């Protein structure tokens, strides 16, 4: 266990942390309508953002091979997913890794990852062409977006304020945004610099 922890820290230290997106892509702006998309998840269920109005939606950019994602999926991310999907939040984990690049998976491989990691998101969506990722300007894994029930983007950024720290003790921006929306309060932090591995676009 100790050796595994050390290995994860070393991998994180050498991971590429590039908060950039391909030329021509635009980053989704908070307090504006969230970019619409329709996609099929790995179980064959169709998800359309337009059809999800009335619900809080969390978008999480995911790459199973990224050290930052591996750290968060030590149990913290799954617990966060379980907590908020139980409260009616729609949580979509999206992988925009292109074929041949880190994080790319076939549907069957992604299903195996979901089972192995105990992923508790509402759905896992594969986006190898980067269509959804580029609409939002997703830069890193993880990169988080929170959309309010009116379809307005109210948070864009990192999952928390501790890129290399203890996720359980960090200030979790996604939790804060979802809790604020549920209580009818303003979202306390609407933007933050995302951290993690760069999204492996085509």
N, C-alpha and C. Protein backbone atom coordinates (compact mmCIF):
# COMPACT_ATOMS: atom_id res chain seq x y z
N UNK A 1 0.82 -1.21 0.00
CA UNK A 1 0.00 0.00 0.00
C UNK A 1 0.86 1.26 0.00
N UNK A 2 1.93 1.26 0.85
CA UNK A 2 2.80 2.42 0.92
C UNK A 2 3.52 2.61 -0.41
N UNK A 3 4.02 1.51 -0.98
CA UNK A 3 4.71 1.60 -2.27
C UNK A 3 3.77 2.10 -3.34
N UNK A 4 2.51 1.64 -3.30
CA UNK A 4 1.52 2.10 -4.29
C UNK A 4 1.29 3.59 -4.15
N UNK A 5 1.19 4.08 -2.91
CA UNK A 5 0.98 5.51 -2.66
C UNK A 5 2.14 6.33 -3.18
N UNK A 6 3.36 5.84 -2.94
CA UNK A 6 4.54 6.55 -3.42
C UNK A 6 4.56 6.60 -4.93
N UNK A 7 4.21 5.47 -5.56
CA UNK A 7 4.18 5.41 -7.02
C UNK A 7 3.20 6.42 -7.58
N UNK A 8 2.02 6.50 -6.98
CA UNK A 8 1.01 7.46 -7.45
C UNK A 8 1.53 8.88 -7.34
N UNK A 9 2.21 9.20 -6.23
CA UNK A 9 2.74 10.55 -6.05
C UNK A 9 3.83 10.87 -7.08
N UNK A 10 4.67 9.88 -7.38
CA UNK A 10 5.70 10.08 -8.39
C UNK A 10 5.08 10.32 -9.75
N UNK A 11 4.09 9.49 -10.10
CA UNK A 11 3.42 9.66 -11.39
C UNK A 11 2.76 11.02 -11.49
N UNK A 12 2.14 11.47 -10.40
CA UNK A 12 1.51 12.79 -10.40
C UNK A 12 2.54 13.89 -10.60
N UNK A 13 3.71 13.69 -10.02
CA UNK A 13 4.75 14.72 -10.12
C UNK A 13 5.25 14.88 -11.54
N UNK A 14 5.23 13.79 -12.30
CA UNK A 14 5.74 13.86 -13.67
C UNK A 14 4.63 13.95 -14.70
N UNK A 15 3.38 13.92 -14.24
CA UNK A 15 2.26 13.99 -15.19
C UNK A 15 2.26 15.33 -15.90
N UNK A 16 1.77 15.32 -17.12
CA UNK A 16 1.66 16.55 -17.89
C UNK A 16 0.47 17.34 -17.36
N UNK A 17 0.70 18.57 -16.97
CA UNK A 17 -0.36 19.41 -16.44
C UNK A 17 -0.46 20.62 -17.36
N UNK A 18 -1.24 20.49 -18.40
CA UNK A 18 -1.36 21.55 -19.39
C UNK A 18 -2.81 22.02 -19.47
N UNK A 19 -3.09 23.17 -18.90
CA UNK A 19 -4.45 23.70 -18.93
C UNK A 19 -4.69 24.42 -20.25
N UNK A 20 -4.61 23.68 -21.33
CA UNK A 20 -4.82 24.24 -22.65
C UNK A 20 -5.83 23.40 -23.42
N UNK A 21 -6.40 24.00 -24.43
CA UNK A 21 -7.32 23.29 -25.32
C UNK A 21 -6.90 23.56 -26.75
N UNK A 22 -7.28 22.67 -27.68
CA UNK A 22 -6.86 22.86 -29.07
C UNK A 22 -7.28 24.20 -29.64
N UNK A 23 -6.50 24.69 -30.59
CA UNK A 23 -6.81 25.96 -31.25
C UNK A 23 -8.22 25.91 -31.84
N UNK A 24 -8.94 26.99 -31.68
CA UNK A 24 -10.29 27.06 -32.24
C UNK A 24 -11.38 26.66 -31.27
N UNK A 25 -11.01 25.96 -30.19
CA UNK A 25 -12.00 25.57 -29.19
C UNK A 25 -12.26 26.74 -28.25
N UNK A 26 -13.47 26.78 -27.71
CA UNK A 26 -13.82 27.84 -26.77
C UNK A 26 -14.19 27.24 -25.44
N UNK A 27 -13.87 27.94 -24.36
CA UNK A 27 -14.22 27.46 -23.04
C UNK A 27 -15.61 27.93 -22.67
N UNK A 28 -16.44 27.01 -22.17
CA UNK A 28 -17.80 27.36 -21.78
C UNK A 28 -17.77 28.40 -20.65
N UNK A 29 -18.62 29.40 -20.75
CA UNK A 29 -18.62 30.50 -19.79
C UNK A 29 -19.69 30.30 -18.73
N UNK A 30 -19.34 30.61 -17.49
CA UNK A 30 -20.32 30.54 -16.42
C UNK A 30 -21.35 31.64 -16.59
N UNK A 31 -22.53 31.39 -16.02
CA UNK A 31 -23.68 32.29 -16.10
C UNK A 31 -24.23 32.44 -17.51
N UNK A 32 -23.86 31.50 -18.37
CA UNK A 32 -24.38 31.42 -19.73
C UNK A 32 -24.99 30.02 -19.91
N UNK A 33 -25.91 29.87 -20.88
CA UNK A 33 -26.46 28.53 -21.13
C UNK A 33 -25.35 27.53 -21.42
N UNK A 34 -25.39 26.38 -20.78
CA UNK A 34 -24.39 25.35 -21.01
C UNK A 34 -24.53 24.82 -22.43
N UNK A 35 -23.42 24.56 -23.12
CA UNK A 35 -23.49 24.02 -24.49
C UNK A 35 -24.28 22.71 -24.53
N UNK A 36 -25.21 22.65 -25.47
CA UNK A 36 -26.05 21.46 -25.58
C UNK A 36 -25.30 20.32 -26.27
N UNK A 37 -25.63 19.11 -25.88
CA UNK A 37 -25.07 17.94 -26.54
C UNK A 37 -26.01 16.77 -26.34
N UNK A 38 -25.88 15.80 -27.21
CA UNK A 38 -26.59 14.54 -27.09
C UNK A 38 -25.57 13.44 -27.31
N UNK A 39 -25.65 12.40 -26.50
CA UNK A 39 -24.67 11.31 -26.61
C UNK A 39 -25.25 10.04 -26.02
N UNK A 40 -24.68 8.93 -26.43
CA UNK A 40 -25.08 7.63 -25.90
C UNK A 40 -24.02 7.16 -24.91
N UNK A 41 -24.47 6.65 -23.77
CA UNK A 41 -23.51 6.17 -22.79
C UNK A 41 -23.07 4.75 -23.10
N UNK A 42 -22.21 4.19 -22.27
CA UNK A 42 -21.65 2.87 -22.57
C UNK A 42 -22.67 1.74 -22.43
N UNK A 43 -23.83 2.04 -21.86
CA UNK A 43 -24.89 1.04 -21.75
C UNK A 43 -25.93 1.18 -22.85
N UNK A 44 -25.72 2.17 -23.73
CA UNK A 44 -26.63 2.36 -24.85
C UNK A 44 -27.78 3.31 -24.57
N UNK A 45 -27.73 4.01 -23.43
CA UNK A 45 -28.77 4.97 -23.08
C UNK A 45 -28.42 6.33 -23.65
N UNK A 46 -29.39 7.00 -24.25
CA UNK A 46 -29.15 8.32 -24.82
C UNK A 46 -29.35 9.41 -23.77
N UNK A 47 -28.44 10.37 -23.76
CA UNK A 47 -28.52 11.51 -22.86
C UNK A 47 -28.46 12.79 -23.68
N UNK A 48 -29.46 13.64 -23.47
CA UNK A 48 -29.51 14.95 -24.12
C UNK A 48 -29.57 16.00 -23.02
N UNK A 49 -28.65 16.96 -23.05
CA UNK A 49 -28.65 17.98 -22.01
C UNK A 49 -29.96 18.76 -22.01
N UNK A 50 -30.54 18.96 -23.18
CA UNK A 50 -31.81 19.69 -23.25
C UNK A 50 -32.90 18.97 -22.47
N UNK A 51 -32.85 17.66 -22.45
CA UNK A 51 -33.86 16.87 -21.75
C UNK A 51 -33.63 16.83 -20.24
N UNK A 52 -32.49 17.32 -19.80
CA UNK A 52 -32.17 17.27 -18.38
C UNK A 52 -32.49 18.56 -17.65
N UNK A 53 -33.16 19.49 -18.30
CA UNK A 53 -33.57 20.73 -17.63
C UNK A 53 -34.46 20.36 -16.45
N UNK A 54 -34.30 21.10 -15.39
CA UNK A 54 -35.01 20.79 -14.16
C UNK A 54 -34.15 20.01 -13.18
N UNK A 55 -32.98 19.56 -13.64
CA UNK A 55 -32.06 18.81 -12.79
C UNK A 55 -30.71 19.50 -12.72
N UNK A 56 -30.03 19.30 -11.61
CA UNK A 56 -28.63 19.72 -11.52
C UNK A 56 -27.80 18.67 -12.26
N UNK A 57 -26.88 19.12 -13.09
CA UNK A 57 -26.05 18.21 -13.88
C UNK A 57 -24.58 18.50 -13.58
N UNK A 58 -23.84 17.45 -13.28
CA UNK A 58 -22.39 17.55 -13.11
C UNK A 58 -21.73 16.82 -14.28
N UNK A 59 -20.80 17.50 -14.92
CA UNK A 59 -19.98 16.88 -15.97
C UNK A 59 -18.57 16.73 -15.43
N UNK A 60 -18.05 15.53 -15.53
CA UNK A 60 -16.70 15.22 -15.03
C UNK A 60 -15.88 14.63 -16.16
N UNK A 61 -14.77 15.32 -16.51
CA UNK A 61 -13.89 14.74 -17.54
C UNK A 61 -12.96 13.72 -16.88
N UNK A 62 -12.87 12.56 -17.53
CA UNK A 62 -12.32 11.35 -16.91
C UNK A 62 -11.29 10.71 -17.84
N UNK A 63 -10.24 10.16 -17.25
CA UNK A 63 -9.22 9.40 -17.98
C UNK A 63 -8.68 8.38 -17.00
N UNK A 64 -9.01 7.12 -17.18
CA UNK A 64 -8.67 6.10 -16.19
C UNK A 64 -7.18 5.93 -15.98
N UNK A 65 -6.34 6.40 -16.93
CA UNK A 65 -4.90 6.26 -16.80
C UNK A 65 -4.20 7.46 -16.20
N UNK A 66 -4.93 8.52 -15.93
CA UNK A 66 -4.34 9.75 -15.38
C UNK A 66 -4.09 9.60 -13.88
N UNK A 67 -2.88 9.90 -13.40
CA UNK A 67 -2.59 9.77 -11.96
C UNK A 67 -3.51 10.59 -11.07
N UNK A 68 -3.93 11.76 -11.53
CA UNK A 68 -4.82 12.58 -10.73
C UNK A 68 -6.20 11.92 -10.60
N UNK A 69 -6.67 11.34 -11.69
CA UNK A 69 -7.94 10.62 -11.66
C UNK A 69 -7.82 9.39 -10.76
N UNK A 70 -6.71 8.68 -10.88
CA UNK A 70 -6.49 7.50 -10.04
C UNK A 70 -6.56 7.88 -8.57
N UNK A 71 -5.95 9.01 -8.21
CA UNK A 71 -5.98 9.44 -6.81
C UNK A 71 -7.41 9.73 -6.36
N UNK A 72 -8.14 10.46 -7.16
CA UNK A 72 -9.51 10.80 -6.76
C UNK A 72 -10.41 9.58 -6.71
N UNK A 73 -10.09 8.59 -7.54
CA UNK A 73 -10.89 7.37 -7.53
C UNK A 73 -10.38 6.36 -6.52
N UNK A 74 -9.64 6.83 -5.52
CA UNK A 74 -9.29 6.00 -4.39
C UNK A 74 -10.48 5.77 -3.47
N UNK A 75 -11.60 6.35 -3.82
CA UNK A 75 -12.83 6.21 -3.04
C UNK A 75 -13.58 7.51 -2.89
N UNK A 76 -12.85 8.62 -2.94
CA UNK A 76 -13.47 9.93 -2.72
C UNK A 76 -14.46 10.28 -3.84
N UNK A 77 -14.05 10.08 -5.10
CA UNK A 77 -14.92 10.45 -6.22
C UNK A 77 -16.18 9.59 -6.24
N UNK A 78 -16.02 8.30 -5.98
CA UNK A 78 -17.19 7.41 -5.98
C UNK A 78 -18.18 7.83 -4.89
N UNK A 79 -17.66 8.21 -3.72
CA UNK A 79 -18.54 8.63 -2.63
C UNK A 79 -19.28 9.91 -2.99
N UNK A 80 -18.57 10.83 -3.65
CA UNK A 80 -19.20 12.07 -4.08
C UNK A 80 -20.31 11.78 -5.10
N UNK A 81 -20.02 10.89 -6.04
CA UNK A 81 -21.02 10.50 -7.03
C UNK A 81 -22.25 9.88 -6.36
N UNK A 82 -22.03 8.96 -5.43
CA UNK A 82 -23.14 8.30 -4.75
C UNK A 82 -23.98 9.30 -3.97
N UNK A 83 -23.31 10.20 -3.27
CA UNK A 83 -24.02 11.18 -2.45
C UNK A 83 -24.96 12.04 -3.28
N UNK A 84 -24.47 12.54 -4.41
CA UNK A 84 -25.27 13.51 -5.17
C UNK A 84 -26.23 12.86 -6.16
N UNK A 85 -25.90 11.72 -6.70
CA UNK A 85 -26.89 11.05 -7.54
C UNK A 85 -28.07 10.59 -6.68
N UNK A 86 -27.82 10.26 -5.42
CA UNK A 86 -28.91 9.88 -4.51
C UNK A 86 -29.83 11.07 -4.22
N UNK A 87 -29.30 12.29 -4.42
CA UNK A 87 -30.11 13.50 -4.21
C UNK A 87 -30.73 14.00 -5.50
N UNK A 88 -30.60 13.20 -6.58
CA UNK A 88 -31.23 13.56 -7.85
C UNK A 88 -30.34 14.27 -8.84
N UNK A 89 -29.08 14.46 -8.50
CA UNK A 89 -28.14 15.09 -9.44
C UNK A 89 -27.80 14.09 -10.54
N UNK A 90 -27.74 14.58 -11.77
CA UNK A 90 -27.30 13.75 -12.90
C UNK A 90 -25.80 13.97 -13.07
N UNK A 91 -25.03 12.91 -12.91
CA UNK A 91 -23.56 12.99 -12.97
C UNK A 91 -23.09 12.22 -14.19
N UNK A 92 -22.51 12.93 -15.14
CA UNK A 92 -22.03 12.31 -16.37
C UNK A 92 -20.51 12.37 -16.40
N UNK A 93 -19.88 11.20 -16.40
CA UNK A 93 -18.43 11.10 -16.52
C UNK A 93 -18.10 10.93 -18.01
N UNK A 94 -17.27 11.81 -18.53
CA UNK A 94 -17.01 11.86 -19.97
C UNK A 94 -15.53 11.64 -20.24
N UNK A 95 -15.23 10.74 -21.16
CA UNK A 95 -13.84 10.50 -21.56
C UNK A 95 -13.66 10.98 -23.00
N UNK A 96 -12.83 12.01 -23.18
CA UNK A 96 -12.58 12.55 -24.52
C UNK A 96 -11.22 12.11 -25.07
N UNK A 97 -10.65 11.06 -24.50
CA UNK A 97 -9.37 10.54 -25.02
C UNK A 97 -9.57 9.94 -26.41
N UNK A 98 -8.73 10.34 -27.34
CA UNK A 98 -8.81 9.83 -28.71
C UNK A 98 -8.20 8.45 -28.80
N UNK A 99 -8.59 7.71 -29.82
CA UNK A 99 -8.05 6.37 -30.04
C UNK A 99 -6.53 6.43 -30.14
N UNK A 100 -5.87 5.53 -29.43
CA UNK A 100 -4.42 5.48 -29.45
C UNK A 100 -3.76 6.36 -28.41
N UNK A 101 -4.55 7.11 -27.65
CA UNK A 101 -3.99 7.98 -26.63
C UNK A 101 -4.40 7.52 -25.23
N UNK A 102 -3.66 8.02 -24.24
CA UNK A 102 -3.92 7.61 -22.87
C UNK A 102 -5.38 7.82 -22.50
N UNK A 103 -5.99 6.81 -21.92
CA UNK A 103 -7.37 6.92 -21.46
C UNK A 103 -8.39 6.40 -22.44
N UNK A 104 -7.99 6.20 -23.69
CA UNK A 104 -8.96 5.70 -24.67
C UNK A 104 -9.38 4.29 -24.29
N UNK A 105 -10.68 4.03 -24.41
CA UNK A 105 -11.21 2.69 -24.15
C UNK A 105 -12.35 2.39 -25.11
N UNK A 106 -12.50 1.12 -25.41
CA UNK A 106 -13.70 0.67 -26.11
C UNK A 106 -14.83 0.63 -25.10
N UNK A 107 -16.03 0.42 -25.59
CA UNK A 107 -17.18 0.33 -24.70
C UNK A 107 -16.98 -0.79 -23.68
N UNK A 108 -16.54 -1.95 -24.14
CA UNK A 108 -16.36 -3.08 -23.24
C UNK A 108 -15.27 -2.80 -22.21
N UNK A 109 -14.20 -2.16 -22.62
CA UNK A 109 -13.14 -1.81 -21.68
C UNK A 109 -13.64 -0.80 -20.65
N UNK A 110 -14.45 0.15 -21.10
CA UNK A 110 -14.99 1.15 -20.18
C UNK A 110 -15.94 0.50 -19.17
N UNK A 111 -16.72 -0.47 -19.62
CA UNK A 111 -17.60 -1.18 -18.70
C UNK A 111 -16.78 -1.89 -17.62
N UNK A 112 -15.67 -2.49 -18.02
CA UNK A 112 -14.80 -3.17 -17.07
C UNK A 112 -14.21 -2.19 -16.07
N UNK A 113 -13.84 -0.98 -16.54
CA UNK A 113 -13.30 0.04 -15.66
C UNK A 113 -14.33 0.49 -14.65
N UNK A 114 -15.56 0.68 -15.12
CA UNK A 114 -16.65 1.08 -14.22
C UNK A 114 -16.81 0.05 -13.10
N UNK A 115 -16.80 -1.21 -13.47
CA UNK A 115 -16.95 -2.28 -12.47
C UNK A 115 -15.75 -2.33 -11.53
N UNK A 116 -14.55 -2.22 -12.08
CA UNK A 116 -13.34 -2.35 -11.27
C UNK A 116 -13.18 -1.19 -10.28
N UNK A 117 -13.54 0.02 -10.72
CA UNK A 117 -13.36 1.19 -9.87
C UNK A 117 -14.60 1.51 -9.04
N UNK A 118 -15.71 0.84 -9.32
CA UNK A 118 -16.93 1.14 -8.58
C UNK A 118 -17.46 2.53 -8.90
N UNK A 119 -17.32 2.94 -10.15
CA UNK A 119 -17.78 4.26 -10.57
C UNK A 119 -19.29 4.35 -10.37
N UNK A 120 -19.74 5.41 -9.70
CA UNK A 120 -21.15 5.54 -9.34
C UNK A 120 -21.82 6.71 -10.05
N UNK A 121 -21.23 7.16 -11.16
CA UNK A 121 -21.85 8.23 -11.94
C UNK A 121 -23.16 7.75 -12.54
N UNK A 122 -24.03 8.69 -12.89
CA UNK A 122 -25.27 8.34 -13.57
C UNK A 122 -24.97 7.61 -14.87
N UNK A 123 -23.97 8.09 -15.59
CA UNK A 123 -23.60 7.49 -16.87
C UNK A 123 -22.15 7.80 -17.20
N UNK A 124 -21.54 6.92 -17.99
CA UNK A 124 -20.20 7.15 -18.51
C UNK A 124 -20.31 7.26 -20.02
N UNK A 125 -19.80 8.36 -20.56
CA UNK A 125 -19.93 8.66 -21.98
C UNK A 125 -18.54 8.71 -22.62
N UNK A 126 -18.36 7.99 -23.72
CA UNK A 126 -17.11 8.04 -24.46
C UNK A 126 -17.22 9.07 -25.57
N UNK A 127 -16.23 9.95 -25.65
CA UNK A 127 -16.23 11.07 -26.59
C UNK A 127 -14.90 11.11 -27.34
N UNK A 128 -14.53 10.03 -28.06
CA UNK A 128 -13.20 9.95 -28.66
C UNK A 128 -12.93 10.99 -29.74
N UNK A 129 -13.98 11.53 -30.33
CA UNK A 129 -13.79 12.59 -31.33
C UNK A 129 -13.63 13.96 -30.66
N UNK A 130 -13.89 14.01 -29.37
CA UNK A 130 -13.72 15.27 -28.63
C UNK A 130 -14.82 16.28 -28.83
N UNK A 131 -15.95 15.86 -29.37
CA UNK A 131 -17.01 16.82 -29.70
C UNK A 131 -17.56 17.52 -28.45
N UNK A 132 -17.84 16.74 -27.41
CA UNK A 132 -18.38 17.35 -26.19
C UNK A 132 -17.28 18.11 -25.46
N UNK A 133 -16.11 17.51 -25.39
CA UNK A 133 -15.00 18.16 -24.70
C UNK A 133 -14.67 19.52 -25.27
N UNK A 134 -14.67 19.62 -26.59
CA UNK A 134 -14.33 20.90 -27.22
C UNK A 134 -15.44 21.93 -27.07
N UNK A 135 -16.67 21.46 -26.97
CA UNK A 135 -17.78 22.41 -26.73
C UNK A 135 -17.62 23.11 -25.38
N UNK A 136 -17.10 22.36 -24.42
CA UNK A 136 -16.94 22.92 -23.08
C UNK A 136 -15.55 23.49 -22.84
N UNK A 137 -14.61 23.13 -23.70
CA UNK A 137 -13.24 23.57 -23.47
C UNK A 137 -12.62 22.80 -22.32
N UNK A 138 -12.98 21.54 -22.17
CA UNK A 138 -12.41 20.72 -21.10
C UNK A 138 -10.91 20.60 -21.29
N UNK A 139 -10.15 20.90 -20.26
CA UNK A 139 -8.70 20.98 -20.37
C UNK A 139 -7.97 19.82 -19.70
N UNK A 140 -8.48 19.37 -18.59
CA UNK A 140 -7.75 18.41 -17.78
C UNK A 140 -8.67 17.28 -17.31
N UNK A 141 -8.03 16.24 -16.78
CA UNK A 141 -8.78 15.22 -16.08
C UNK A 141 -8.25 15.15 -14.65
N UNK A 142 -9.15 15.45 -13.68
CA UNK A 142 -10.55 15.83 -13.89
C UNK A 142 -10.70 17.32 -14.21
N UNK A 143 -11.74 17.66 -14.98
CA UNK A 143 -12.20 19.03 -15.16
C UNK A 143 -13.70 18.95 -14.94
N UNK A 144 -14.22 19.80 -14.06
CA UNK A 144 -15.60 19.67 -13.61
C UNK A 144 -16.45 20.87 -14.06
N UNK A 145 -17.69 20.57 -14.40
CA UNK A 145 -18.67 21.59 -14.76
C UNK A 145 -19.97 21.28 -14.03
N UNK A 146 -20.62 22.31 -13.50
CA UNK A 146 -21.92 22.13 -12.83
C UNK A 146 -22.94 23.02 -13.53
N UNK A 147 -24.07 22.42 -13.87
CA UNK A 147 -25.13 23.10 -14.61
C UNK A 147 -26.37 23.14 -13.73
N UNK A 148 -27.00 24.30 -13.64
CA UNK A 148 -28.17 24.42 -12.77
C UNK A 148 -29.43 23.90 -13.45
N UNK A 149 -30.54 23.80 -12.74
CA UNK A 149 -31.76 23.24 -13.33
C UNK A 149 -32.32 24.04 -14.51
N UNK A 150 -31.91 25.29 -14.66
CA UNK A 150 -32.33 26.08 -15.81
C UNK A 150 -31.43 25.88 -17.03
N UNK A 151 -30.41 25.05 -16.88
CA UNK A 151 -29.50 24.79 -17.99
C UNK A 151 -28.36 25.78 -18.09
N UNK A 152 -28.12 26.54 -17.03
CA UNK A 152 -27.06 27.54 -17.02
C UNK A 152 -25.82 26.96 -16.33
N UNK A 153 -24.67 27.19 -16.93
CA UNK A 153 -23.41 26.74 -16.34
C UNK A 153 -23.08 27.63 -15.15
N UNK A 154 -22.93 27.03 -13.98
CA UNK A 154 -22.67 27.82 -12.77
C UNK A 154 -21.31 27.51 -12.15
N UNK A 155 -20.63 26.47 -12.64
CA UNK A 155 -19.27 26.20 -12.15
C UNK A 155 -18.45 25.58 -13.27
N UNK A 156 -17.20 26.02 -13.37
CA UNK A 156 -16.24 25.52 -14.36
C UNK A 156 -14.87 25.53 -13.72
N UNK A 157 -14.28 24.34 -13.49
CA UNK A 157 -12.94 24.34 -12.93
C UNK A 157 -12.53 23.04 -12.30
N UNK A 158 -11.65 23.14 -11.32
CA UNK A 158 -11.11 21.98 -10.62
C UNK A 158 -12.15 21.36 -9.71
N UNK A 159 -11.93 20.12 -9.33
CA UNK A 159 -12.84 19.49 -8.38
C UNK A 159 -12.65 20.06 -6.99
N UNK A 160 -11.40 20.44 -6.65
CA UNK A 160 -11.14 20.99 -5.33
C UNK A 160 -9.93 21.90 -5.38
N UNK A 161 -9.50 22.35 -4.21
CA UNK A 161 -8.41 23.32 -4.15
C UNK A 161 -7.07 22.68 -3.78
N UNK A 162 -6.95 21.36 -3.98
CA UNK A 162 -5.74 20.66 -3.54
C UNK A 162 -5.23 19.69 -4.60
N UNK A 163 -4.50 20.19 -5.60
CA UNK A 163 -4.02 19.32 -6.68
C UNK A 163 -3.23 18.11 -6.22
N UNK A 164 -2.45 18.24 -5.15
CA UNK A 164 -1.63 17.11 -4.68
C UNK A 164 -1.92 16.75 -3.22
N UNK A 165 -3.01 17.29 -2.70
CA UNK A 165 -3.28 17.10 -1.28
C UNK A 165 -4.29 16.00 -0.99
N UNK A 166 -4.86 16.09 0.19
CA UNK A 166 -5.84 15.14 0.67
C UNK A 166 -7.23 15.58 0.22
N UNK A 167 -7.82 14.84 -0.71
CA UNK A 167 -9.12 15.23 -1.24
C UNK A 167 -10.18 15.31 -0.15
N UNK A 168 -10.08 14.46 0.86
CA UNK A 168 -11.08 14.45 1.92
C UNK A 168 -11.03 15.74 2.75
N UNK A 169 -9.83 16.37 2.84
CA UNK A 169 -9.69 17.58 3.64
C UNK A 169 -9.75 18.85 2.80
N UNK A 170 -9.76 18.70 1.48
CA UNK A 170 -9.73 19.86 0.58
C UNK A 170 -11.10 20.53 0.51
N UNK A 171 -11.10 21.74 0.01
CA UNK A 171 -12.36 22.44 -0.28
C UNK A 171 -12.86 21.93 -1.62
N UNK A 172 -13.99 21.24 -1.61
CA UNK A 172 -14.52 20.64 -2.84
C UNK A 172 -15.50 21.61 -3.49
N UNK A 173 -15.11 22.12 -4.65
CA UNK A 173 -15.92 23.13 -5.33
C UNK A 173 -17.22 22.55 -5.90
N UNK A 174 -17.18 21.29 -6.32
CA UNK A 174 -18.38 20.67 -6.89
C UNK A 174 -19.42 20.47 -5.80
N UNK A 175 -18.98 19.98 -4.65
CA UNK A 175 -19.89 19.81 -3.52
C UNK A 175 -20.52 21.15 -3.13
N UNK A 176 -19.67 22.18 -3.06
CA UNK A 176 -20.16 23.50 -2.66
C UNK A 176 -21.18 24.04 -3.65
N UNK A 177 -20.93 23.83 -4.96
CA UNK A 177 -21.86 24.32 -5.98
C UNK A 177 -23.19 23.58 -5.91
N UNK A 178 -23.14 22.25 -5.79
CA UNK A 178 -24.37 21.47 -5.74
C UNK A 178 -25.17 21.80 -4.49
N UNK A 179 -24.50 21.92 -3.36
CA UNK A 179 -25.20 22.24 -2.12
C UNK A 179 -25.86 23.61 -2.20
N UNK A 180 -25.15 24.58 -2.80
CA UNK A 180 -25.71 25.92 -2.93
C UNK A 180 -26.97 25.89 -3.80
N UNK A 181 -26.91 25.19 -4.92
CA UNK A 181 -28.07 25.11 -5.80
C UNK A 181 -29.25 24.46 -5.10
N UNK A 182 -29.00 23.43 -4.32
CA UNK A 182 -30.08 22.72 -3.62
C UNK A 182 -30.71 23.57 -2.53
N UNK A 183 -29.95 24.49 -1.98
CA UNK A 183 -30.48 25.33 -0.91
C UNK A 183 -30.93 26.70 -1.40
N UNK A 184 -30.85 26.91 -2.73
CA UNK A 184 -31.30 28.18 -3.28
C UNK A 184 -30.36 29.33 -3.03
N UNK A 185 -29.09 29.02 -2.77
CA UNK A 185 -28.09 30.06 -2.50
C UNK A 185 -27.18 30.25 -3.70
N UNK A 186 -26.51 31.39 -3.80
CA UNK A 186 -25.55 31.60 -4.89
C UNK A 186 -24.39 30.60 -4.79
N UNK A 187 -23.90 30.18 -5.92
CA UNK A 187 -22.73 29.29 -5.93
C UNK A 187 -21.52 30.10 -5.45
N UNK A 188 -20.86 29.65 -4.37
CA UNK A 188 -19.81 30.48 -3.75
C UNK A 188 -18.57 30.70 -4.62
N UNK A 189 -18.16 29.68 -5.36
CA UNK A 189 -17.01 29.80 -6.27
C UNK A 189 -17.47 29.28 -7.63
N UNK A 190 -17.40 30.12 -8.64
CA UNK A 190 -17.91 29.73 -9.96
C UNK A 190 -16.81 29.29 -10.93
N UNK A 191 -15.60 29.70 -10.69
CA UNK A 191 -14.50 29.29 -11.56
C UNK A 191 -13.25 29.04 -10.72
N UNK A 192 -12.43 28.13 -11.22
CA UNK A 192 -11.11 27.88 -10.61
C UNK A 192 -10.24 27.25 -11.68
N UNK A 193 -8.92 27.33 -11.54
CA UNK A 193 -8.04 26.72 -12.54
C UNK A 193 -8.12 25.19 -12.44
N UNK A 194 -8.50 24.50 -13.51
CA UNK A 194 -8.54 23.04 -13.45
C UNK A 194 -7.13 22.48 -13.40
N UNK A 195 -6.97 21.37 -12.72
CA UNK A 195 -5.67 20.72 -12.66
C UNK A 195 -5.81 19.25 -13.05
N UNK A 196 -4.69 18.64 -13.42
CA UNK A 196 -4.68 17.24 -13.78
C UNK A 196 -3.90 17.00 -15.06
N UNK A 197 -4.11 15.84 -15.67
CA UNK A 197 -3.48 15.54 -16.95
C UNK A 197 -4.26 16.25 -18.06
N UNK A 198 -3.58 16.64 -19.10
CA UNK A 198 -4.28 17.27 -20.21
C UNK A 198 -5.23 16.27 -20.86
N UNK A 199 -6.39 16.74 -21.33
CA UNK A 199 -7.31 15.89 -22.06
C UNK A 199 -6.63 15.47 -23.35
N UNK A 200 -6.66 14.18 -23.65
CA UNK A 200 -5.92 13.64 -24.80
C UNK A 200 -6.78 13.67 -26.07
N UNK A 201 -6.97 14.88 -26.57
CA UNK A 201 -7.81 15.06 -27.76
C UNK A 201 -7.18 14.46 -29.01
N UNK A 202 -8.03 14.23 -29.98
CA UNK A 202 -7.63 13.72 -31.29
C UNK A 202 -6.70 14.69 -31.99
